[in-house]
N, C-alpha and C. Protein backbone atom coordinates (compact mmCIF):
# COMPACT_ATOMS: atom_id res chain seq x y z
N MET A 1 336.53 366.83 149.29
CA MET A 1 335.67 365.73 149.67
C MET A 1 336.11 365.16 151.01
N MET A 2 335.21 364.54 151.69
CA MET A 2 335.50 363.96 152.99
C MET A 2 336.61 362.92 152.92
N LEU A 3 336.66 362.15 151.85
CA LEU A 3 337.69 361.12 151.73
C LEU A 3 339.09 361.74 151.74
N GLY A 4 339.25 362.86 151.08
CA GLY A 4 340.53 363.53 151.09
C GLY A 4 340.90 364.01 152.48
N HIS A 5 339.94 364.53 153.18
CA HIS A 5 340.15 365.00 154.55
C HIS A 5 340.58 363.84 155.46
N LEU A 6 340.08 362.66 155.18
CA LEU A 6 340.40 361.48 156.00
C LEU A 6 341.69 360.79 155.54
N GLY A 7 342.36 361.36 154.55
CA GLY A 7 343.63 360.80 154.10
C GLY A 7 343.51 359.86 152.91
N PHE A 8 342.36 359.82 152.29
CA PHE A 8 342.13 358.96 151.13
C PHE A 8 341.94 359.81 149.88
N GLN A 9 342.89 360.67 149.59
CA GLN A 9 342.80 361.60 148.47
C GLN A 9 342.59 360.88 147.15
N ASP A 10 343.31 359.78 146.92
CA ASP A 10 343.18 359.03 145.67
C ASP A 10 341.76 358.52 145.48
N CYS A 11 341.17 358.02 146.54
CA CYS A 11 339.80 357.50 146.45
C CYS A 11 338.81 358.62 146.15
N GLY A 12 339.02 359.76 146.79
CA GLY A 12 338.15 360.91 146.55
C GLY A 12 338.22 361.36 145.11
N GLU A 13 339.42 361.39 144.56
CA GLU A 13 339.59 361.79 143.15
C GLU A 13 338.96 360.77 142.22
N LEU A 14 339.05 359.49 142.57
CA LEU A 14 338.45 358.43 141.75
C LEU A 14 336.93 358.59 141.68
N LEU A 15 336.31 359.01 142.78
CA LEU A 15 334.86 359.16 142.83
C LEU A 15 334.36 360.47 142.24
N MET A 16 335.21 361.47 142.21
CA MET A 16 334.76 362.79 141.76
C MET A 16 334.37 362.80 140.28
N LYS A 17 335.13 362.14 139.43
CA LYS A 17 334.82 362.16 137.99
C LYS A 17 333.47 361.50 137.69
N PRO A 18 333.17 360.31 138.20
CA PRO A 18 331.84 359.74 137.95
C PRO A 18 330.72 360.65 138.47
N LEU A 19 330.97 361.29 139.59
CA LEU A 19 329.96 362.19 140.15
C LEU A 19 329.73 363.38 139.24
N THR A 20 330.80 364.06 138.86
CA THR A 20 330.64 365.25 138.03
C THR A 20 330.13 364.89 136.63
N ASP A 21 330.57 363.75 136.09
CA ASP A 21 330.08 363.33 134.78
C ASP A 21 328.58 363.04 134.81
N THR A 22 328.12 362.42 135.88
CA THR A 22 326.69 362.13 136.02
C THR A 22 325.88 363.42 136.08
N LEU A 23 326.33 364.35 136.89
CA LEU A 23 325.62 365.62 137.01
C LEU A 23 325.65 366.39 135.70
N ALA A 24 326.80 366.38 135.02
CA ALA A 24 326.93 367.08 133.74
C ALA A 24 326.03 366.48 132.66
N SER A 25 325.74 365.19 132.79
CA SER A 25 324.89 364.54 131.80
C SER A 25 323.41 364.87 132.00
N GLY A 26 323.11 365.60 133.07
CA GLY A 26 321.72 366.00 133.32
C GLY A 26 320.97 365.13 134.30
N ILE A 27 321.64 364.13 134.84
CA ILE A 27 321.01 363.27 135.84
C ILE A 27 321.20 363.95 137.19
N THR A 28 320.17 364.70 137.61
CA THR A 28 320.24 365.45 138.86
C THR A 28 318.91 365.38 139.59
N THR A 29 318.97 365.66 140.88
CA THR A 29 317.76 365.66 141.71
C THR A 29 317.06 367.02 141.63
N ALA A 30 315.83 367.04 142.09
CA ALA A 30 315.01 368.25 141.99
C ALA A 30 315.61 369.45 142.72
N ASP A 31 316.35 369.21 143.79
CA ASP A 31 316.90 370.34 144.55
C ASP A 31 317.93 371.13 143.76
N ILE A 32 318.47 370.55 142.70
CA ILE A 32 319.40 371.30 141.85
C ILE A 32 318.88 371.38 140.40
N GLY A 33 317.56 371.32 140.26
CA GLY A 33 316.92 371.57 138.98
C GLY A 33 316.62 370.36 138.11
N GLY A 34 316.88 369.17 138.61
CA GLY A 34 316.63 367.97 137.82
C GLY A 34 315.31 367.31 138.14
N THR A 35 315.14 366.13 137.57
CA THR A 35 313.90 365.39 137.79
C THR A 35 314.14 363.98 138.30
N SER A 36 315.40 363.61 138.47
CA SER A 36 315.73 362.25 138.91
C SER A 36 315.57 362.11 140.42
N THR A 37 315.31 360.89 140.83
CA THR A 37 315.25 360.61 142.27
C THR A 37 316.67 360.41 142.80
N THR A 38 316.80 360.44 144.10
CA THR A 38 318.10 360.18 144.72
C THR A 38 318.61 358.81 144.31
N ARG A 39 317.72 357.84 144.29
CA ARG A 39 318.10 356.49 143.90
C ARG A 39 318.62 356.46 142.45
N GLU A 40 317.95 357.15 141.56
CA GLU A 40 318.37 357.16 140.16
C GLU A 40 319.76 357.81 140.00
N VAL A 41 319.99 358.89 140.71
CA VAL A 41 321.29 359.56 140.65
C VAL A 41 322.37 358.63 141.21
N THR A 42 322.08 358.02 142.35
CA THR A 42 323.04 357.11 142.98
C THR A 42 323.37 355.94 142.06
N GLU A 43 322.35 355.35 141.44
CA GLU A 43 322.57 354.23 140.53
C GLU A 43 323.40 354.65 139.33
N ALA A 44 323.16 355.84 138.81
CA ALA A 44 323.93 356.33 137.66
C ALA A 44 325.40 356.52 138.04
N ILE A 45 325.64 357.07 139.21
CA ILE A 45 327.02 357.26 139.67
C ILE A 45 327.68 355.91 139.89
N CYS A 46 326.99 354.98 140.50
CA CYS A 46 327.54 353.65 140.74
C CYS A 46 327.88 352.94 139.44
N GLU A 47 327.05 353.08 138.43
CA GLU A 47 327.34 352.47 137.13
C GLU A 47 328.62 353.04 136.53
N ARG A 48 328.81 354.33 136.66
CA ARG A 48 330.03 354.96 136.14
C ARG A 48 331.26 354.49 136.93
N ILE A 49 331.10 354.30 138.22
CA ILE A 49 332.21 353.80 139.04
C ILE A 49 332.57 352.38 138.61
N LYS A 50 331.56 351.55 138.37
CA LYS A 50 331.80 350.17 137.93
C LYS A 50 332.58 350.11 136.64
N GLN A 51 332.39 351.08 135.77
CA GLN A 51 333.11 351.10 134.50
C GLN A 51 334.60 351.39 134.70
N LEU A 52 334.95 351.98 135.83
CA LEU A 52 336.34 352.32 136.12
C LEU A 52 337.14 351.14 136.69
N VAL A 53 336.44 350.21 137.29
CA VAL A 53 337.15 349.10 137.96
C VAL A 53 337.04 347.81 137.19
């Protein structure tokens, strides 16, 4: 991830799990076979991040 490249490896790892969990749950955009909008995917990822902090 870009954050790791910029020296923020911990932050990148913190964000990766909510991202992969969201995608694994089926919340994906049409370009990768889903039906959710970009906004819906982003909101789902943000909700998972909020649960971590």
